[in-house]
Protein backbone atom coordinates (compact mmCIF):
# COMPACT_ATOMS: atom_id res chain seq x y z
CA MET A 1 -34.50 27.61 25.73
CA ASN A 2 -32.26 27.08 22.69
CA ARG A 3 -32.71 25.82 20.11
CA SER A 4 -32.04 21.78 20.60
CA ASP A 5 -34.82 22.07 23.41
CA ARG A 6 -36.96 23.15 20.52
CA ASP A 7 -36.72 21.07 18.42
CA ILE A 8 -37.12 17.84 20.71
CA LYS A 9 -40.21 19.23 22.61
CA ALA A 10 -40.93 19.69 18.68
CA ASN A 11 -40.29 15.70 17.79
CA PRO A 12 -39.57 13.58 20.66
CA ALA A 13 -39.43 10.96 17.51
CA ALA A 14 -36.86 12.12 16.50
CA ALA A 15 -34.76 13.05 19.15
CA ARG A 16 -35.08 9.09 20.53
CA GLU A 17 -33.81 8.28 16.85
CA ASP A 18 -31.13 10.59 17.18
CA SER A 19 -29.58 9.43 20.28
CA ALA A 20 -30.43 5.89 19.37
CA ALA A 21 -28.04 6.71 16.50
CA ASP A 22 -25.55 8.39 18.27
CA ALA A 23 -25.40 5.58 20.63
CA GLY A 24 -24.85 2.95 17.95
CA ARG A 25 -21.34 5.27 16.58
CA ARG A 26 -20.58 5.37 20.03
CA THR A 27 -20.84 1.56 20.01
CA ASP A 28 -19.57 0.43 16.36
CA ARG A 29 -15.97 3.28 17.78
CA LEU A 30 -15.38 0.64 20.89
CA GLU A 31 -16.12 -2.04 19.21
CA HIS A 32 -13.07 -0.98 16.84
CA LEU A 33 -10.94 -0.64 19.60
CA ARG A 34 -11.75 -3.94 20.63
CA VAL A 35 -10.51 -6.20 17.15
CA GLY A 36 -7.03 -5.15 18.28
CA LEU A 37 -4.30 -3.60 16.57
CA GLY A 38 -6.51 -3.55 13.39
CA GLY A 39 -9.21 -1.81 15.00
CA LEU A 40 -6.99 0.58 16.00
CA LEU A 41 -5.31 1.31 13.02
CA HIS A 42 -8.73 1.71 10.83
CA ALA A 43 -10.19 3.90 14.15
CA ALA A 44 -6.42 5.83 13.19
CA TRP A 45 -6.99 6.29 9.74
CA ASN A 46 -10.79 5.41 8.95
CA ARG A 47 -9.98 4.59 5.13
CA GLU A 48 -8.98 3.46 2.22
CA LEU A 49 -5.84 4.59 0.58
CA PRO A 50 -6.66 5.35 -3.32
CA LEU A 51 -5.79 2.76 -5.17
CA GLN A 52 -4.62 -0.13 -2.88
CA THR A 53 -5.10 -3.16 -4.39
CA GLU A 54 -2.46 -1.56 -7.15
CA THR A 55 -0.86 0.16 -5.06
CA SER A 56 -0.54 -3.82 -3.92
CA PHE A 57 -0.04 -5.37 -7.06
CA PHE A 58 3.95 -2.83 -7.45
CA ILE A 59 5.03 -3.71 -4.08
CA LEU A 60 4.28 -7.58 -4.25
CA VAL A 61 5.50 -7.73 -8.38
CA ASN A 62 9.03 -5.52 -6.29
CA VAL A 63 9.28 -7.38 -3.85
CA LEU A 64 9.53 -11.02 -6.34
CA ASP A 65 12.24 -9.03 -8.46
CA PHE A 66 14.21 -8.58 -5.22
CA PHE A 67 14.60 -12.17 -4.21
CA LEU A 68 14.62 -13.51 -7.87
CA THR A 69 17.44 -11.17 -7.93
CA LEU A 70 18.91 -12.58 -4.76
CA MET A 71 18.87 -15.57 -5.80
CA LEU A 72 20.42 -15.26 -9.69
CA ILE A 73 23.40 -12.78 -8.57
CA THR A 74 23.62 -15.79 -6.33
CA PHE A 75 24.24 -18.48 -8.16
CA GLY A 76 26.71 -15.90 -10.15
CA ALA A 77 24.46 -14.28 -12.16
CA PHE A 78 25.02 -10.04 -12.82
CA GLU A 79 22.83 -7.21 -11.62
CA THR A 80 21.46 -5.34 -15.52
CA ASN A 81 20.44 -2.22 -13.68
CA PRO A 82 23.79 0.12 -13.17
CA VAL A 83 22.44 1.98 -10.35
CA ALA A 84 21.05 -1.47 -7.98
CA ASP A 85 24.76 -2.88 -9.86
CA TYR A 86 26.51 0.32 -8.23
CA PHE A 87 24.36 -1.05 -4.59
CA PHE A 88 24.90 -4.11 -4.01
CA ARG A 89 28.80 -2.96 -5.13
CA ASN A 90 29.59 -1.39 -2.36
CA TRP A 91 27.19 -2.22 -0.23
CA GLY A 92 26.31 -5.70 -0.54
CA PHE A 93 22.43 -7.48 -0.97
CA ARG A 94 21.73 -4.60 2.13
CA GLY A 95 22.38 -2.22 0.25
CA MET A 96 20.98 -3.28 -3.11
CA LEU A 97 17.45 -3.55 -1.06
CA ALA A 98 18.07 -0.16 0.33
CA TYR A 99 18.11 1.64 -2.56
CA LYS A 100 15.46 -1.11 -3.80
CA LEU A 101 13.01 -0.35 -0.60
CA ALA A 102 14.01 3.26 -1.42
CA SER A 103 12.42 3.43 -5.35
CA VAL A 104 9.16 1.43 -3.97
CA ALA A 105 8.26 3.85 -2.00
CA PHE A 106 9.71 6.74 -3.84
CA VAL A 107 6.33 5.46 -6.53
CA CYS A 108 3.80 4.30 -4.05
CA LEU A 109 3.86 8.10 -2.65
CA LEU A 110 3.96 9.90 -5.75
CA SER A 111 1.21 8.04 -7.25
CA GLN A 112 -0.65 8.73 -3.44
CA TYR A 113 1.00 11.80 -4.35
CA VAL A 114 -1.23 11.82 -7.77
CA ALA A 115 -4.50 10.24 -7.02
CA ARG A 116 -5.20 13.20 -4.35
CA ILE A 117 -5.28 15.29 -8.23
CA SER A 118 -6.21 12.42 -11.04
CA LEU A 119 -7.05 8.47 -10.08
CA ALA A 120 -6.15 7.61 -13.68
CA LYS A 121 -2.85 9.00 -14.00
CA ALA A 122 -1.77 7.86 -10.72
CA ARG A 123 -3.69 4.23 -11.67
CA PHE A 124 -1.33 4.46 -14.99
CA ILE A 125 1.86 4.86 -13.16
CA LEU A 126 1.19 2.44 -10.85
CA LEU A 127 0.26 -0.05 -13.23
CA THR A 128 2.98 0.61 -15.87
CA GLY A 129 5.39 -0.16 -12.74
CA ILE A 130 3.74 -3.30 -12.89
CA ALA A 131 4.12 -4.38 -16.33
CA LEU A 132 7.99 -3.09 -16.43
CA VAL A 133 8.35 -4.79 -12.94
CA GLY A 134 5.83 -7.76 -13.77
CA GLY A 135 8.61 -8.32 -17.37
CA VAL A 136 11.88 -8.70 -15.59
CA VAL A 137 9.79 -10.93 -12.87
CA VAL A 138 9.44 -13.34 -15.00
CA TYR A 139 13.05 -12.07 -17.08
CA SER A 140 14.12 -12.92 -14.34
CA ALA A 141 12.05 -16.54 -13.63
CA TRP A 142 12.81 -17.72 -16.92
CA LEU A 143 16.24 -17.62 -16.62
CA LEU A 144 16.32 -18.73 -13.02
CA SER A 145 14.56 -22.19 -14.54
CA GLY A 146 17.90 -22.67 -16.45
CA LEU A 147 20.32 -22.18 -13.76
CA LEU A 148 17.95 -24.98 -11.90
CA ARG A 149 18.44 -27.10 -14.99
């Protein structure tokens, strides 16, 4: 007789509860599969990323920055970031988009790595990025409003 058999004989009520809990976990796993792609991703990862909200806002302000820059250049303005301007001059909007995606991905990956060591430092990286790029977005929107008058 192994240890689990002795535990079941000694406390059959606890064994029934364990069995019900196992069945509930199996049902929960099956429910995730029924939800679709979101359920599959949830089942695969089964947790949220650290600083998910801050990362989402960082991505949002960078998307706004790219589209406002695109609109300003369309109306005759020029890119003041020399690195982005280099990519724009050599590869056009696609090059500038590739540069923007690479820089945003780098900061997001860096902040996730730093979050494993210090959540406060990773939050500082993302919030600083949000503030800096957010300032650029506000300035670009102000410039664009002047162009559209």
